[in-house]
Amino acid sequence: MLNIWQFSARLFLALLLGAAIGVERQWRQRMAGLRTNTLVSLGAAIFVTLAVNIGGDATGRVASYVVSGIGFLGAGVIMKDGMNVRGLNTAATLWCSAAIGSLSGMGYMSEAIIGTLFILLAHLVLRPLGNKLSTLPLDKAAKTQLCYIFTLRLKQEIENQVRILLIQYLTDDNQLLLRSLKSTDNGDPAVAVVYAEIFSTGNQDHKIERLAGRLTLEPGISEVSWKATGGENDL
């Protein structure tokens, strides 16, 4: 049976480590950021400390329920966007946050800290490596041209500003080509819907995602979405 100080120390560690993972996710502007990862870690720790207090084989059973239960939460952040599936990395991070909370709840504090460091290392080091690898041409992929369709819903008065921002971003990248840029008011003169057609050599999802994240920060833009369509065109 844990006393109140042991219980508090384990939950506090779960909160700190979950927040450490969440800060990196919030910085990357992911769906599950600071609060979500912190709450997942904290919730897992509370369940596991409850099992520790119960004793017997409850600890193992509750830990297994945490592992399976977090899968339902992870499934909620996975979305299909055109040809792409988004949110897998976020779901995996939530799963890892639950693992850190479970370690903290069990009292394995050193292991929880080491696990958090490895999770952060995976995000901070492997992300740029993965982006680099995704741009390398592989046989047929080197000849494949993808088309990305951007849809922006924004206030009419910032339409020209957003057009200029799009053109500037794409002009600086020799792997992305703006093929068309058009807009409509959809019957509401105060709102503009801008459609951009962007062609790329090979998979450039990470660049398109970065552009979408940049645009969501612009005041006056209420919606940003994109989808990719494939082609077999030889460049």
C-alpha atoms as a PDB file:
ATOM      1  CA  MET A   1       0.000   0.000   0.000  1.00  0.00           C
ATOM      2  CA  LEU A   2       1.441   3.368  -1.039  1.00  0.00           C
ATOM      3  CA  ASN A   3       1.377   6.243   1.396  1.00  0.00           C
ATOM      4  CA  ILE A   4       0.215   9.674   0.275  1.00  0.00           C
ATOM      5  CA  TRP A   5       3.752  10.942  -0.369  1.00  0.00           C
ATOM      6  CA  GLN A   6       4.723   7.988  -2.535  1.00  0.00           C
ATOM      7  CA  PHE A   7       1.457   8.309  -4.435  1.00  0.00           C
ATOM      8  CA  SER A   8       2.002  12.041  -4.994  1.00  0.00           C
ATOM      9  CA  ALA A   9       5.642  11.593  -6.040  1.00  0.00           C
ATOM     10  CA  ARG A  10       4.740   8.997  -8.677  1.00  0.00           C
ATOM     11  CA  LEU A  11       1.919  11.104 -10.108  1.00  0.00           C
ATOM     12  CA  PHE A  12       4.109  14.210 -10.125  1.00  0.00           C
ATOM     13  CA  LEU A  13       6.804  12.357 -12.059  1.00  0.00           C
ATOM     14  CA  ALA A  14       4.199  11.108 -14.553  1.00  0.00           C
ATOM     15  CA  LEU A  15       2.933  14.669 -14.955  1.00  0.00           C
ATOM     16  CA  LEU A  16       6.432  16.082 -15.554  1.00  0.00           C
ATOM     17  CA  LEU A  17       7.493  13.413 -18.033  1.00  0.00           C
ATOM     18  CA  GLY A  18       4.182  13.477 -19.894  1.00  0.00           C
ATOM     19  CA  ALA A  19       4.486  17.250 -20.136  1.00  0.00           C
ATOM     20  CA  ALA A  20       8.044  16.913 -21.477  1.00  0.00           C
ATOM     21  CA  ILE A  21       6.757  14.747 -24.327  1.00  0.00           C
ATOM     22  CA  GLY A  22       3.763  17.045 -24.821  1.00  0.00           C
ATOM     23  CA  VAL A  23       5.907  20.177 -25.136  1.00  0.00           C
ATOM     24  CA  GLU A  24       7.684  18.726 -28.166  1.00  0.00           C
ATOM     25  CA  ARG A  25       4.342  17.681 -29.710  1.00  0.00           C
ATOM     26  CA  GLN A  26       2.826  21.123 -29.050  1.00  0.00           C
ATOM     27  CA  TRP A  27       5.861  22.759 -30.637  1.00  0.00           C
ATOM     28  CA  ARG A  28       5.282  20.645 -33.737  1.00  0.00           C
ATOM     29  CA  GLN A  29       1.603  21.708 -33.679  1.00  0.00           C
ATOM     30  CA  ARG A  30       0.297  18.164 -33.511  1.00  0.00           C
ATOM     31  CA  MET A  31      -3.289  17.223 -32.662  1.00  0.00           C
ATOM     32  CA  ALA A  32      -2.257  15.721 -29.320  1.00  0.00           C
ATOM     33  CA  GLY A  33      -0.063  18.288 -27.620  1.00  0.00           C
ATOM     34  CA  LEU A  34       0.938  19.316 -24.127  1.00  0.00           C
ATOM     35  CA  ARG A  35      -2.260  18.628 -22.199  1.00  0.00           C
ATOM     36  CA  THR A  36      -3.206  15.435 -24.016  1.00  0.00           C
ATOM     37  CA  ASN A  37       0.144  13.698 -23.506  1.00  0.00           C
ATOM     38  CA  THR A  38       0.299  14.905 -19.904  1.00  0.00           C
ATOM     39  CA  LEU A  39      -3.185  13.579 -19.147  1.00  0.00           C
ATOM     40  CA  VAL A  40      -2.478  10.235 -20.832  1.00  0.00           C
ATOM     41  CA  SER A  41       0.691   9.778 -18.761  1.00  0.00           C
ATOM     42  CA  LEU A  42      -1.044  10.931 -15.590  1.00  0.00           C
ATOM     43  CA  GLY A  43      -4.093   8.740 -16.185  1.00  0.00           C
ATOM     44  CA  ALA A  44      -1.965   5.658 -16.761  1.00  0.00           C
ATOM     45  CA  ALA A  45      -0.049   6.383 -13.562  1.00  0.00           C
ATOM     46  CA  ILE A  46      -3.260   6.751 -11.536  1.00  0.00           C
ATOM     47  CA  PHE A  47      -4.614   3.424 -12.786  1.00  0.00           C
ATOM     48  CA  VAL A  48      -1.348   1.624 -12.100  1.00  0.00           C
ATOM     49  CA  THR A  49      -0.947   3.108  -8.596  1.00  0.00           C
ATOM     50  CA  LEU A  50      -4.515   1.994  -7.911  1.00  0.00           C
ATOM     51  CA  ALA A  51      -3.530  -1.533  -8.926  1.00  0.00           C
ATOM     52  CA  VAL A  52      -0.416  -1.353  -6.723  1.00  0.00           C
ATOM     53  CA  ASN A  53      -2.589  -0.443  -3.752  1.00  0.00           C
ATOM     54  CA  ILE A  54      -4.985  -3.298  -4.498  1.00  0.00           C
ATOM     55  CA  GLY A  55      -2.081  -5.737  -4.679  1.00  0.00           C
ATOM     56  CA  GLY A  56      -2.014  -9.303  -5.943  1.00  0.00           C
ATOM     57  CA  ASP A  57      -2.189  -9.828  -9.682  1.00  0.00           C
ATOM     58  CA  ALA A  58      -4.189  -6.615 -10.153  1.00  0.00           C
ATOM     59  CA  THR A  59      -1.069  -4.704 -11.182  1.00  0.00           C
ATOM     60  CA  GLY A  60      -0.380  -6.860 -14.218  1.00  0.00           C
ATOM     61  CA  ARG A  61      -4.021  -6.940 -15.272  1.00  0.00           C
ATOM     62  CA  VAL A  62      -4.506  -3.178 -14.968  1.00  0.00           C
ATOM     63  CA  ALA A  63      -1.261  -2.494 -16.878  1.00  0.00           C
ATOM     64  CA  SER A  64      -2.471  -4.728 -19.720  1.00  0.00           C
ATOM     65  CA  TYR A  65      -5.798  -2.881 -19.765  1.00  0.00           C
ATOM     66  CA  VAL A  66      -3.946   0.441 -20.029  1.00  0.00           C
ATOM     67  CA  VAL A  67      -1.999  -0.876 -23.023  1.00  0.00           C
ATOM     68  CA  SER A  68      -5.125  -2.036 -24.836  1.00  0.00           C
ATOM     69  CA  GLY A  69      -7.280   0.895 -23.717  1.00  0.00           C
ATOM     70  CA  ILE A  70      -4.904   3.520 -25.021  1.00  0.00           C
ATOM     71  CA  GLY A  71      -5.364   1.979 -28.466  1.00  0.00           C
ATOM     72  CA  PHE A  72      -8.910   3.336 -28.607  1.00  0.00           C
ATOM     73  CA  LEU A  73      -7.650   6.827 -27.769  1.00  0.00           C
ATOM     74  CA  GLY A  74      -4.932   6.534 -30.398  1.00  0.00           C
ATOM     75  CA  ALA A  75      -7.462   5.440 -33.014  1.00  0.00           C
ATOM     76  CA  GLY A  76      -9.319   8.691 -32.444  1.00  0.00           C
ATOM     77  CA  VAL A  77      -6.411  10.802 -33.723  1.00  0.00           C
ATOM     78  CA  ILE A  78      -5.788   8.743 -36.879  1.00  0.00           C
ATOM     79  CA  MET A  79      -7.454  10.265 -39.943  1.00  0.00           C
ATOM     80  CA  LYS A  80      -7.542   9.381 -43.614  1.00  0.00           C
ATOM     81  CA  ASP A  81      -6.861  12.421 -45.788  1.00  0.00           C
ATOM     82  CA  GLY A  82      -7.165  11.543 -49.478  1.00  0.00           C
ATOM     83  CA  MET A  83      -4.449   9.029 -50.258  1.00  0.00           C
ATOM     84  CA  ASN A  84      -2.709   9.638 -46.949  1.00  0.00           C
ATOM     85  CA  VAL A  85      -3.245   8.398 -43.397  1.00  0.00           C
ATOM     86  CA  ARG A  86      -2.394  11.037 -40.807  1.00  0.00           C
ATOM     87  CA  GLY A  87      -1.993  10.809 -37.056  1.00  0.00           C
ATOM     88  CA  LEU A  88      -0.114   7.509 -36.755  1.00  0.00           C
ATOM     89  CA  ASN A  89       2.876   9.232 -35.175  1.00  0.00           C
ATOM     90  CA  THR A  90       0.598  11.070 -32.744  1.00  0.00           C
ATOM     91  CA  ALA A  91      -1.147   7.821 -31.783  1.00  0.00           C
ATOM     92  CA  ALA A  92       2.202   6.115 -31.220  1.00  0.00           C
ATOM     93  CA  THR A  93       3.327   9.022 -29.029  1.00  0.00           C
ATOM     94  CA  LEU A  94       0.188   8.723 -26.885  1.00  0.00           C
ATOM     95  CA  TRP A  95       0.942   5.017 -26.497  1.00  0.00           C
ATOM     96  CA  CYS A  96       4.468   5.887 -25.347  1.00  0.00           C
ATOM     97  CA  SER A  97       3.130   8.510 -22.913  1.00  0.00           C
ATOM     98  CA  ALA A  98       0.910   5.834 -21.372  1.00  0.00           C
ATOM     99  CA  ALA A  99       3.961   3.595 -21.000  1.00  0.00           C
ATOM    100  CA  ILE A 100       5.838   6.385 -19.202  1.00  0.00           C
ATOM    101  CA  GLY A 101       2.867   6.916 -16.891  1.00  0.00           C
ATOM    102  CA  SER A 102       2.716   3.198 -16.156  1.00  0.00           C
ATOM    103  CA  LEU A 103       6.415   3.106 -15.263  1.00  0.00           C
ATOM    104  CA  SER A 104       5.972   6.111 -12.995  1.00  0.00           C
ATOM    105  CA  GLY A 105       2.935   4.564 -11.326  1.00  0.00           C
ATOM    106  CA  MET A 106       4.859   1.358 -10.659  1.00  0.00           C
ATOM    107  CA  GLY A 107       7.673   3.353  -9.065  1.00  0.00           C
ATOM    108  CA  TYR A 108      10.259   2.687 -11.769  1.00  0.00           C
ATOM    109  CA  MET A 109      11.325   6.314 -11.793  1.00  0.00           C
ATOM    110  CA  SER A 110      14.753   5.966 -13.391  1.00  0.00           C
ATOM    111  CA  GLU A 111      13.308   3.791 -16.144  1.00  0.00           C
ATOM    112  CA  ALA A 112      10.517   6.320 -16.738  1.00  0.00           C
ATOM    113  CA  ILE A 113      13.019   9.160 -17.134  1.00  0.00           C
ATOM    114  CA  ILE A 114      15.204   7.112 -19.498  1.00  0.00           C
ATOM    115  CA  GLY A 115      12.134   6.105 -21.521  1.00  0.00           C
ATOM    116  CA  THR A 116      11.095   9.758 -21.869  1.00  0.00           C
ATOM    117  CA  LEU A 117      14.557  10.712 -23.100  1.00  0.00           C
ATOM    118  CA  PHE A 118      14.418   7.991 -25.746  1.00  0.00           C
ATOM    119  CA  ILE A 119      10.960   9.121 -26.891  1.00  0.00           C
ATOM    120  CA  LEU A 120      12.146  12.705 -27.246  1.00  0.00           C
ATOM    121  CA  LEU A 121      15.282  11.491 -29.005  1.00  0.00           C
ATOM    122  CA  ALA A 122      13.144   9.577 -31.511  1.00  0.00           C
ATOM    123  CA  HIS A 123      11.139  12.704 -32.322  1.00  0.00           C
ATOM    124  CA  LEU A 124      13.992  15.201 -32.426  1.00  0.00           C
ATOM    125  CA  VAL A 125      16.603  13.071 -34.215  1.00  0.00           C
ATOM    126  CA  LEU A 126      14.638  10.626 -36.356  1.00  0.00           C
ATOM    127  CA  ARG A 127      12.173  13.230 -37.692  1.00  0.00           C
ATOM    128  CA  PRO A 128      14.741  15.169 -39.805  1.00  0.00           C
ATOM    129  CA  LEU A 129      16.318  11.859 -40.858  1.00  0.00           C
ATOM    130  CA  GLY A 130      12.911  10.553 -41.976  1.00  0.00           C
ATOM    131  CA  ASN A 131      12.204  13.764 -43.886  1.00  0.00           C
ATOM    132  CA  LYS A 132      15.553  13.440 -45.647  1.00  0.00           C
ATOM    133  CA  LEU A 133      14.930   9.809 -46.591  1.00  0.00           C
ATOM    134  CA  SER A 134      11.431  10.565 -47.917  1.00  0.00           C
ATOM    135  CA  THR A 135      12.901  12.949 -50.488  1.00  0.00           C
ATOM    136  CA  LEU A 136      15.341  10.393 -51.915  1.00  0.00           C
ATOM    137  CA  PRO A 137      14.184   9.023 -55.294  1.00  0.00           C
ATOM    138  CA  LEU A 138      13.743   5.267 -55.607  1.00  0.00           C
ATOM    139  CA  ASP A 139      13.415   3.897 -59.148  1.00  0.00           C
ATOM    140  CA  LYS A 140       9.810   4.459 -60.206  1.00  0.00           C
ATOM    141  CA  ALA A 141       9.191   6.976 -57.406  1.00  0.00           C
ATOM    142  CA  ALA A 142      11.820   9.237 -58.964  1.00  0.00           C
ATOM    143  CA  LYS A 143       9.655   9.527 -62.094  1.00  0.00           C
ATOM    144  CA  THR A 144       6.342   9.892 -60.292  1.00  0.00           C
ATOM    145  CA  GLN A 145       4.681  13.273 -60.128  1.00  0.00           C
ATOM    146  CA  LEU A 146       2.286  13.979 -57.287  1.00  0.00           C
ATOM    147  CA  CYS A 147      -0.373  16.661 -57.252  1.00  0.00           C
ATOM    148  CA  TYR A 148      -1.325  18.315 -53.962  1.00  0.00           C
ATOM    149  CA  ILE A 149      -4.637  20.154 -53.740  1.00  0.00           C
ATOM    150  CA  PHE A 150      -4.735  22.883 -51.101  1.00  0.00           C
ATOM    151  CA  THR A 151      -8.033  24.360 -49.900  1.00  0.00           C
ATOM    152  CA  LEU A 152      -8.050  27.504 -47.755  1.00  0.00           C
ATOM    153  CA  ARG A 153     -11.081  29.232 -46.264  1.00  0.00           C
ATOM    154  CA  LEU A 154     -10.295  32.788 -45.190  1.00  0.00           C
ATOM    155  CA  LYS A 155     -11.516  36.339 -44.837  1.00  0.00           C
ATOM    156  CA  GLN A 156     -11.844  38.198 -48.138  1.00  0.00           C
ATOM    157  CA  GLU A 157      -9.569  41.068 -47.067  1.00  0.00           C
ATOM    158  CA  ILE A 158      -6.507  38.830 -46.592  1.00  0.00           C
ATOM    159  CA  GLU A 159      -6.872  36.886 -49.853  1.00  0.00           C
ATOM    160  CA  ASN A 160      -4.091  38.760 -51.692  1.00  0.00           C
ATOM    161  CA  GLN A 161      -1.781  38.450 -48.684  1.00  0.00           C
ATOM    162  CA  VAL A 162      -2.285  34.672 -48.560  1.00  0.00           C
ATOM    163  CA  ARG A 163      -1.741  34.340 -52.318  1.00  0.00           C
ATOM    164  CA  ILE A 164       1.580  36.177 -51.998  1.00  0.00           C
ATOM    165  CA  LEU A 165       2.575  33.993 -49.031  1.00  0.00           C
ATOM    166  CA  LEU A 166       1.867  30.821 -51.012  1.00  0.00           C
ATOM    167  CA  ILE A 167       3.808  32.024 -54.043  1.00  0.00           C
ATOM    168  CA  GLN A 168       6.810  33.088 -51.927  1.00  0.00           C
ATOM    169  CA  TYR A 169       6.951  29.750 -50.110  1.00  0.00           C
ATOM    170  CA  LEU A 170       6.745  27.693 -53.303  1.00  0.00           C
ATOM    171  CA  THR A 171       9.157  29.894 -55.264  1.00  0.00           C
ATOM    172  CA  ASP A 172      11.905  29.084 -52.741  1.00  0.00           C
ATOM    173  CA  ASP A 173      11.457  25.311 -53.204  1.00  0.00           C
ATOM    174  CA  ASN A 174      12.676  23.675 -56.418  1.00  0.00           C
ATOM    175  CA  GLN A 175      10.781  20.432 -55.676  1.00  0.00           C
ATOM    176  CA  LEU A 176       7.336  22.083 -55.551  1.00  0.00           C
ATOM    177  CA  LEU A 177       5.638  23.772 -58.485  1.00  0.00           C
ATOM    178  CA  LEU A 178       2.489  25.892 -58.256  1.00  0.00           C
ATOM    179  CA  ARG A 179       0.350  24.984 -61.272  1.00  0.00           C
ATOM    180  CA  SER A 180      -2.857  26.892 -60.500  1.00  0.00           C
ATOM    181  CA  LEU A 181      -4.287  29.272 -57.924  1.00  0.00           C
ATOM    182  CA  LYS A 182      -7.937  30.232 -57.945  1.00  0.00           C
ATOM    183  CA  SER A 183     -10.605  31.408 -55.530  1.00  0.00           C
ATOM    184  CA  THR A 184     -14.349  31.707 -55.076  1.00  0.00           C
ATOM    185  CA  ASP A 185     -16.633  33.328 -52.509  1.00  0.00           C
ATOM    186  CA  ASN A 186     -19.150  30.432 -52.456  1.00  0.00           C
ATOM    187  CA  GLY A 187     -21.967  32.957 -52.247  1.00  0.00           C
ATOM    188  CA  ASP A 188     -20.513  34.822 -49.246  1.00  0.00           C
ATOM    189  CA  PRO A 189     -18.626  37.999 -50.291  1.00  0.00           C
ATOM    190  CA  ALA A 190     -16.945  38.254 -46.871  1.00  0.00           C
ATOM    191  CA  VAL A 191     -15.300  34.833 -47.210  1.00  0.00           C
ATOM    192  CA  ALA A 192     -12.908  33.574 -49.880  1.00  0.00           C
ATOM    193  CA  VAL A 193     -12.103  29.947 -50.626  1.00  0.00           C
ATOM    194  CA  VAL A 194      -8.682  29.615 -52.272  1.00  0.00           C
ATOM    195  CA  TYR A 195      -7.670  26.494 -54.187  1.00  0.00           C
ATOM    196  CA  ALA A 196      -4.005  25.839 -54.981  1.00  0.00           C
ATOM    197  CA  GLU A 197      -2.739  23.021 -57.206  1.00  0.00           C
ATOM    198  CA  ILE A 198       0.856  22.088 -56.407  1.00  0.00           C
ATOM    199  CA  PHE A 199       2.930  19.515 -58.300  1.00  0.00           C
ATOM    200  CA  SER A 200       5.962  17.805 -56.837  1.00  0.00           C
ATOM    201  CA  THR A 201       8.655  15.323 -57.771  1.00  0.00           C
ATOM    202  CA  GLY A 202       8.145  12.315 -55.538  1.00  0.00           C
ATOM    203  CA  ASN A 203       6.632  12.380 -52.066  1.00  0.00           C
ATOM    204  CA  GLN A 204       6.820  15.812 -50.452  1.00  0.00           C
ATOM    205  CA  ASP A 205       4.166  15.292 -47.753  1.00  0.00           C
ATOM    206  CA  HIS A 206       6.386  16.722 -45.018  1.00  0.00           C
ATOM    207  CA  LYS A 207       6.815  20.003 -46.907  1.00  0.00           C
ATOM    208  CA  ILE A 208       3.108  20.280 -47.623  1.00  0.00           C
ATOM    209  CA  GLU A 209       2.339  19.557 -43.973  1.00  0.00           C
ATOM    210  CA  ARG A 210       4.810  22.249 -42.923  1.00  0.00           C
ATOM    211  CA  LEU A 211       3.154  24.724 -45.302  1.00  0.00           C
ATOM    212  CA  ALA A 212      -0.280  23.843 -43.905  1.00  0.00           C
ATOM    213  CA  GLY A 213       0.990  24.391 -40.359  1.00  0.00           C
ATOM    214  CA  ARG A 214       2.430  27.772 -41.366  1.00  0.00           C
ATOM    215  CA  LEU A 215      -0.866  28.857 -42.906  1.00  0.00           C
ATOM    216  CA  THR A 216      -2.919  27.870 -39.856  1.00  0.00           C
ATOM    217  CA  LEU A 217      -0.997  30.517 -37.883  1.00  0.00           C
ATOM    218  CA  GLU A 218      -2.207  33.311 -40.168  1.00  0.00           C
ATOM    219  CA  PRO A 219      -5.044  35.368 -38.612  1.00  0.00           C
ATOM    220  CA  GLY A 220      -8.159  35.323 -40.751  1.00  0.00           C
ATOM    221  CA  ILE A 221      -7.680  31.783 -42.081  1.00  0.00           C
ATOM    222  CA  SER A 222     -10.417  29.562 -40.664  1.00  0.00           C
ATOM    223  CA  GLU A 223      -9.683  26.301 -42.488  1.00  0.00           C
ATOM    224  CA  VAL A 224      -6.672  24.659 -44.133  1.00  0.00           C
ATOM    225  CA  SER A 225      -6.861  21.230 -45.774  1.00  0.00           C
ATOM    226  CA  TRP A 226      -4.904  19.343 -48.402  1.00  0.00           C
ATOM    227  CA  LYS A 227      -4.935  16.063 -50.245  1.00  0.00           C
ATOM    228  CA  ALA A 228      -2.578  14.295 -52.603  1.00  0.00           C
ATOM    229  CA  THR A 229      -3.407  12.646 -55.900  1.00  0.00           C
ATOM    230  CA  GLY A 230      -0.938  10.386 -57.640  1.00  0.00           C
ATOM    231  CA  GLY A 231       0.158  10.266 -61.253  1.00  0.00           C
ATOM    232  CA  GLU A 232       2.433   8.203 -63.482  1.00  0.00           C
ATOM    233  CA  ASN A 233       3.724  11.158 -65.468  1.00  0.00           C
ATOM    234  CA  ASP A 234       7.370  10.982 -66.542  1.00  0.00           C
ATOM    235  CA  LEU A 235       9.161  14.260 -65.917  1.00  0.00           C
END
